N, C-alpha and C. Protein backbone atom coordinates (compact mmCIF):
# COMPACT_ATOMS: atom_id res chain seq x y z
N MET A 1 41.72 -35.20 43.39
CA MET A 1 41.57 -33.83 43.87
C MET A 1 40.59 -33.02 43.00
N ALA A 2 39.69 -32.40 43.68
CA ALA A 2 38.64 -31.61 42.99
C ALA A 2 39.24 -30.25 42.55
N VAL A 3 38.94 -29.85 41.32
CA VAL A 3 39.39 -28.58 40.78
C VAL A 3 38.23 -27.97 39.96
N PHE A 4 38.25 -26.68 39.73
CA PHE A 4 37.27 -26.06 38.85
C PHE A 4 37.73 -26.31 37.41
N TYR A 5 36.80 -26.61 36.54
CA TYR A 5 37.01 -26.70 35.12
C TYR A 5 36.28 -25.53 34.49
N ILE A 6 36.97 -24.76 33.73
CA ILE A 6 36.41 -23.59 33.02
C ILE A 6 36.63 -23.82 31.53
N ASP A 7 35.54 -23.95 30.78
CA ASP A 7 35.55 -24.31 29.34
C ASP A 7 36.32 -25.58 29.14
N ASN A 8 36.06 -26.55 30.04
CA ASN A 8 36.67 -27.90 29.98
C ASN A 8 38.21 -27.90 30.25
N VAL A 9 38.73 -26.89 30.81
CA VAL A 9 40.16 -26.80 31.15
C VAL A 9 40.27 -26.76 32.67
N ALA A 10 41.05 -27.67 33.24
CA ALA A 10 41.23 -27.72 34.69
C ALA A 10 42.08 -26.54 35.17
N GLN A 11 41.56 -25.81 36.14
CA GLN A 11 42.25 -24.68 36.78
C GLN A 11 42.91 -23.77 35.81
N ASP A 12 42.19 -23.41 34.77
CA ASP A 12 42.70 -22.55 33.72
C ASP A 12 43.09 -21.17 34.26
N THR A 13 44.13 -20.59 33.68
CA THR A 13 44.44 -19.20 33.97
C THR A 13 43.58 -18.34 33.04
N LEU A 14 42.81 -17.48 33.70
CA LEU A 14 41.87 -16.64 32.94
C LEU A 14 42.40 -15.23 32.74
N THR A 15 41.82 -14.52 31.78
CA THR A 15 42.09 -13.13 31.58
C THR A 15 40.80 -12.37 31.55
N MET A 16 40.70 -11.29 32.28
CA MET A 16 39.54 -10.36 32.24
C MET A 16 40.01 -8.97 31.95
N VAL A 17 39.18 -8.24 31.28
CA VAL A 17 39.50 -6.89 30.86
C VAL A 17 38.69 -5.89 31.73
N LYS A 18 39.42 -4.85 32.19
CA LYS A 18 38.72 -3.83 33.01
C LYS A 18 37.56 -3.22 32.22
N GLY A 19 36.48 -3.06 32.89
CA GLY A 19 35.25 -2.49 32.31
C GLY A 19 34.31 -3.53 31.72
N ASN A 20 34.78 -4.75 31.48
CA ASN A 20 33.95 -5.82 30.93
C ASN A 20 33.18 -6.51 32.03
N ILE A 21 32.11 -7.22 31.64
CA ILE A 21 31.29 -7.99 32.57
C ILE A 21 31.46 -9.47 32.25
N TYR A 22 31.64 -10.27 33.33
CA TYR A 22 31.81 -11.73 33.17
C TYR A 22 30.83 -12.45 34.06
N ARG A 23 30.34 -13.57 33.64
CA ARG A 23 29.43 -14.44 34.46
C ARG A 23 30.07 -15.79 34.65
N PHE A 24 30.17 -16.21 35.90
CA PHE A 24 30.65 -17.57 36.24
C PHE A 24 29.43 -18.38 36.59
N ASP A 25 28.99 -19.21 35.66
CA ASP A 25 27.76 -20.05 35.86
C ASP A 25 28.18 -21.31 36.59
N GLN A 26 27.51 -21.59 37.67
CA GLN A 26 27.77 -22.77 38.47
C GLN A 26 26.60 -23.70 38.57
N ASN A 27 25.81 -23.80 37.53
CA ASN A 27 24.61 -24.63 37.56
C ASN A 27 24.88 -26.11 37.47
N ASN A 28 26.05 -26.49 36.94
CA ASN A 28 26.38 -27.93 36.91
C ASN A 28 26.37 -28.55 38.30
N GLY A 29 25.80 -29.72 38.46
CA GLY A 29 25.68 -30.37 39.74
C GLY A 29 27.00 -30.63 40.41
N SER A 30 28.07 -30.73 39.63
CA SER A 30 29.39 -30.93 40.28
C SER A 30 29.86 -29.72 41.07
N ASN A 31 29.21 -28.57 40.92
CA ASN A 31 29.56 -27.37 41.69
C ASN A 31 28.79 -27.23 43.01
N ALA A 32 27.89 -28.14 43.30
CA ALA A 32 26.98 -27.99 44.41
C ALA A 32 27.64 -27.72 45.75
N ALA A 33 28.82 -28.20 45.97
CA ALA A 33 29.52 -27.98 47.22
C ALA A 33 30.71 -27.05 47.09
N ALA A 34 30.75 -26.27 45.98
CA ALA A 34 31.95 -25.46 45.67
C ALA A 34 31.59 -24.11 45.20
N PRO A 35 31.01 -23.22 46.04
CA PRO A 35 30.71 -21.87 45.57
C PRO A 35 32.00 -21.11 45.24
N LEU A 36 32.01 -20.58 44.05
CA LEU A 36 33.16 -19.84 43.58
C LEU A 36 33.19 -18.45 44.17
N SER A 37 34.37 -17.95 44.48
CA SER A 37 34.56 -16.58 44.98
C SER A 37 35.86 -16.06 44.37
N LEU A 38 36.12 -14.74 44.51
CA LEU A 38 37.33 -14.12 44.03
C LEU A 38 38.07 -13.54 45.19
N SER A 39 39.41 -13.41 45.04
CA SER A 39 40.22 -12.82 46.08
C SER A 39 41.49 -12.25 45.46
N GLU A 40 42.15 -11.35 46.17
CA GLU A 40 43.45 -10.88 45.74
C GLU A 40 44.53 -11.84 46.28
N THR A 41 44.15 -12.76 47.13
CA THR A 41 45.03 -13.76 47.73
C THR A 41 44.72 -15.13 47.12
N GLU A 42 45.77 -15.83 46.68
CA GLU A 42 45.57 -17.18 46.13
C GLU A 42 44.80 -18.02 47.16
N ASP A 43 43.73 -18.67 46.78
CA ASP A 43 42.86 -19.49 47.55
C ASP A 43 42.03 -18.75 48.54
N GLY A 44 42.02 -17.40 48.49
CA GLY A 44 41.13 -16.55 49.24
C GLY A 44 41.06 -16.82 50.72
N ASP A 45 39.83 -16.89 51.26
CA ASP A 45 39.65 -17.09 52.69
C ASP A 45 39.98 -18.49 53.15
N ASN A 46 40.33 -19.40 52.24
CA ASN A 46 40.91 -20.71 52.62
C ASN A 46 42.37 -20.55 53.02
N ASN A 47 42.92 -19.36 52.68
CA ASN A 47 44.38 -19.10 52.91
C ASN A 47 44.59 -17.78 53.59
N ALA A 48 43.70 -17.45 54.51
CA ALA A 48 43.78 -16.18 55.35
C ALA A 48 43.59 -14.96 54.51
N GLY A 49 43.09 -15.06 53.25
CA GLY A 49 42.77 -13.92 52.47
C GLY A 49 41.34 -13.48 52.67
N ALA A 50 40.95 -12.41 51.96
CA ALA A 50 39.57 -11.90 52.04
C ALA A 50 38.93 -11.99 50.66
N PRO A 51 37.64 -12.14 50.61
CA PRO A 51 36.97 -12.18 49.32
C PRO A 51 37.09 -10.77 48.68
N TYR A 52 37.23 -10.77 47.35
CA TYR A 52 37.23 -9.56 46.56
C TYR A 52 35.78 -9.32 46.09
N THR A 53 35.20 -8.16 46.45
CA THR A 53 33.81 -7.94 46.18
C THR A 53 33.49 -6.77 45.30
N VAL A 54 34.53 -5.97 44.89
CA VAL A 54 34.27 -4.78 44.06
C VAL A 54 33.75 -5.22 42.67
N GLY A 55 32.55 -4.78 42.37
CA GLY A 55 31.95 -5.10 41.09
C GLY A 55 31.43 -6.56 40.98
N VAL A 56 31.41 -7.28 42.11
CA VAL A 56 30.96 -8.68 42.11
C VAL A 56 29.54 -8.74 42.61
N SER A 57 28.65 -9.41 41.88
CA SER A 57 27.27 -9.64 42.37
C SER A 57 27.00 -11.12 42.40
N TYR A 58 26.18 -11.52 43.33
CA TYR A 58 25.92 -12.95 43.58
C TYR A 58 24.42 -13.23 43.28
N TRP A 59 24.15 -14.35 42.61
CA TRP A 59 22.81 -14.66 42.11
C TRP A 59 22.43 -16.08 42.44
N LEU A 60 21.24 -16.24 43.05
CA LEU A 60 20.66 -17.61 43.28
C LEU A 60 19.26 -17.56 42.74
N ASN A 61 18.89 -18.59 41.96
CA ASN A 61 17.57 -18.69 41.39
C ASN A 61 17.12 -17.41 40.72
N ASN A 62 18.02 -16.78 40.00
CA ASN A 62 17.82 -15.53 39.23
C ASN A 62 17.47 -14.35 40.07
N LEU A 63 17.84 -14.33 41.38
CA LEU A 63 17.67 -13.21 42.23
C LEU A 63 19.03 -12.76 42.79
N GLU A 64 19.31 -11.49 42.75
CA GLU A 64 20.59 -11.03 43.33
C GLU A 64 20.54 -11.11 44.85
N VAL A 65 21.54 -11.69 45.48
CA VAL A 65 21.64 -11.83 46.89
C VAL A 65 23.00 -11.32 47.42
N ASN A 66 23.11 -11.16 48.72
CA ASN A 66 24.44 -10.81 49.22
C ASN A 66 25.33 -12.09 49.31
N ARG A 67 26.57 -11.86 49.58
CA ARG A 67 27.51 -13.03 49.58
C ARG A 67 27.19 -14.02 50.67
N THR A 68 26.74 -13.56 51.83
CA THR A 68 26.43 -14.51 52.90
C THR A 68 25.25 -15.39 52.53
N THR A 69 24.24 -14.86 51.90
CA THR A 69 23.08 -15.59 51.46
C THR A 69 23.48 -16.55 50.30
N TYR A 70 24.38 -16.05 49.41
CA TYR A 70 24.81 -16.90 48.31
C TYR A 70 25.52 -18.13 48.88
N LEU A 71 26.36 -17.94 49.83
CA LEU A 71 27.08 -19.11 50.39
C LEU A 71 26.15 -20.05 51.11
N SER A 72 25.22 -19.54 51.92
CA SER A 72 24.35 -20.37 52.72
C SER A 72 23.29 -21.08 51.84
N GLY A 73 22.86 -20.44 50.75
CA GLY A 73 21.83 -21.01 49.93
C GLY A 73 22.32 -21.73 48.66
N PHE A 74 23.59 -21.74 48.49
CA PHE A 74 24.22 -22.20 47.23
C PHE A 74 23.83 -23.63 46.89
N ALA A 75 24.02 -24.61 47.78
CA ALA A 75 23.80 -26.00 47.50
C ALA A 75 22.34 -26.29 47.10
N GLY A 76 21.40 -25.58 47.70
CA GLY A 76 19.98 -25.83 47.45
C GLY A 76 19.39 -25.09 46.27
N ALA A 77 20.12 -24.21 45.64
CA ALA A 77 19.65 -23.38 44.54
C ALA A 77 19.66 -24.20 43.28
N THR A 78 18.72 -23.90 42.35
CA THR A 78 18.70 -24.55 41.02
C THR A 78 19.44 -23.69 39.98
N SER A 79 19.61 -22.41 40.27
CA SER A 79 20.36 -21.54 39.34
C SER A 79 21.32 -20.70 40.22
N ARG A 80 22.61 -20.73 39.85
CA ARG A 80 23.59 -19.98 40.68
C ARG A 80 24.73 -19.49 39.80
N PHE A 81 25.06 -18.25 39.98
CA PHE A 81 26.24 -17.65 39.33
C PHE A 81 26.72 -16.41 40.02
N ILE A 82 27.98 -16.07 39.76
CA ILE A 82 28.43 -14.77 40.19
C ILE A 82 28.68 -13.95 38.93
N GLN A 83 28.49 -12.63 38.99
CA GLN A 83 28.76 -11.76 37.88
C GLN A 83 29.78 -10.74 38.30
N VAL A 84 30.75 -10.48 37.44
CA VAL A 84 31.85 -9.59 37.80
C VAL A 84 31.90 -8.49 36.79
N GLN A 85 31.78 -7.23 37.14
CA GLN A 85 32.06 -6.07 36.30
C GLN A 85 33.45 -5.61 36.79
N VAL A 86 34.47 -5.84 35.96
CA VAL A 86 35.84 -5.57 36.37
C VAL A 86 36.05 -4.06 36.50
N ASP A 87 36.28 -3.67 37.72
CA ASP A 87 36.41 -2.24 38.08
C ASP A 87 37.76 -1.69 37.52
N PRO A 88 37.78 -0.38 37.15
CA PRO A 88 39.04 0.22 36.71
C PRO A 88 40.14 0.10 37.74
N SER A 89 39.79 0.00 39.01
CA SER A 89 40.81 -0.05 40.10
C SER A 89 41.21 -1.50 40.43
N ALA A 90 40.71 -2.48 39.68
CA ALA A 90 41.02 -3.88 39.99
C ALA A 90 42.53 -4.11 39.92
N PRO A 91 43.02 -5.02 40.81
CA PRO A 91 44.45 -5.35 40.79
C PRO A 91 44.86 -6.07 39.52
N ALA A 92 46.13 -6.25 39.32
CA ALA A 92 46.64 -6.90 38.11
C ALA A 92 46.31 -8.39 38.09
N VAL A 93 46.14 -8.96 39.25
CA VAL A 93 45.83 -10.42 39.34
C VAL A 93 44.77 -10.61 40.45
N LEU A 94 43.77 -11.39 40.09
CA LEU A 94 42.79 -11.92 41.14
C LEU A 94 42.88 -13.45 41.06
N TYR A 95 42.27 -14.05 42.03
CA TYR A 95 42.23 -15.52 42.07
C TYR A 95 40.79 -15.95 42.21
N TYR A 96 40.40 -17.03 41.46
CA TYR A 96 39.09 -17.61 41.70
C TYR A 96 39.36 -18.87 42.57
N TYR A 97 38.41 -19.18 43.43
CA TYR A 97 38.62 -20.28 44.38
C TYR A 97 37.25 -20.76 44.88
N ALA A 98 37.27 -21.97 45.48
CA ALA A 98 36.09 -22.57 46.03
C ALA A 98 36.08 -22.29 47.54
N VAL A 99 35.02 -21.61 48.06
CA VAL A 99 34.92 -21.37 49.48
C VAL A 99 34.82 -22.70 50.21
N GLY A 100 35.73 -22.95 51.17
CA GLY A 100 35.73 -24.14 51.99
C GLY A 100 36.43 -25.34 51.34
N THR A 101 36.91 -25.19 50.12
CA THR A 101 37.63 -26.33 49.49
C THR A 101 38.93 -25.77 48.88
N PRO A 102 39.98 -25.92 49.66
CA PRO A 102 41.29 -25.36 49.15
C PRO A 102 41.79 -25.98 47.84
N THR A 103 42.56 -25.23 47.12
CA THR A 103 43.33 -25.60 45.89
C THR A 103 42.50 -25.93 44.69
N MET A 104 41.25 -25.48 44.62
CA MET A 104 40.41 -25.78 43.46
C MET A 104 40.58 -24.77 42.32
N GLY A 105 41.05 -23.52 42.64
CA GLY A 105 40.94 -22.48 41.68
C GLY A 105 42.23 -22.16 40.96
N GLY A 106 42.32 -20.91 40.53
CA GLY A 106 43.49 -20.47 39.73
C GLY A 106 43.51 -18.96 39.55
N PRO A 107 44.50 -18.43 38.83
CA PRO A 107 44.67 -16.99 38.68
C PRO A 107 43.82 -16.40 37.57
N ILE A 108 43.54 -15.12 37.72
CA ILE A 108 42.84 -14.32 36.72
C ILE A 108 43.73 -13.09 36.45
N ASN A 109 44.28 -12.96 35.31
CA ASN A 109 45.00 -11.76 34.93
C ASN A 109 44.06 -10.71 34.52
N ILE A 110 44.24 -9.49 35.03
CA ILE A 110 43.40 -8.36 34.71
C ILE A 110 44.15 -7.40 33.78
N THR A 111 43.55 -7.10 32.65
CA THR A 111 44.18 -6.23 31.65
C THR A 111 43.26 -5.02 31.35
N THR A 112 43.85 -4.04 30.62
CA THR A 112 43.07 -2.87 30.20
C THR A 112 42.62 -3.00 28.82
């Protein structure tokens, strides 16, 4: 079963602080078919949820793009990441997940 490894930990539970900025680098070749996204629903749009986009920016080849372009151009890009500036209105828990590949992600606890 494919899962995301973050800092060499499989499906790690993450913590993010409101107001801070985080970058999820997906340059490793093992990510080529697994664009990461965030949602308030576990497993996001793989599970009838919606992507969480507040404060989220998408980057391919060091250019900011919209989410649609990020997903369609993801596999062919040489540099890819999402950046998250955690909004003060962010929910207590978000989930990171792979678009189109269920059960790869995990929870993100949001603190102040």
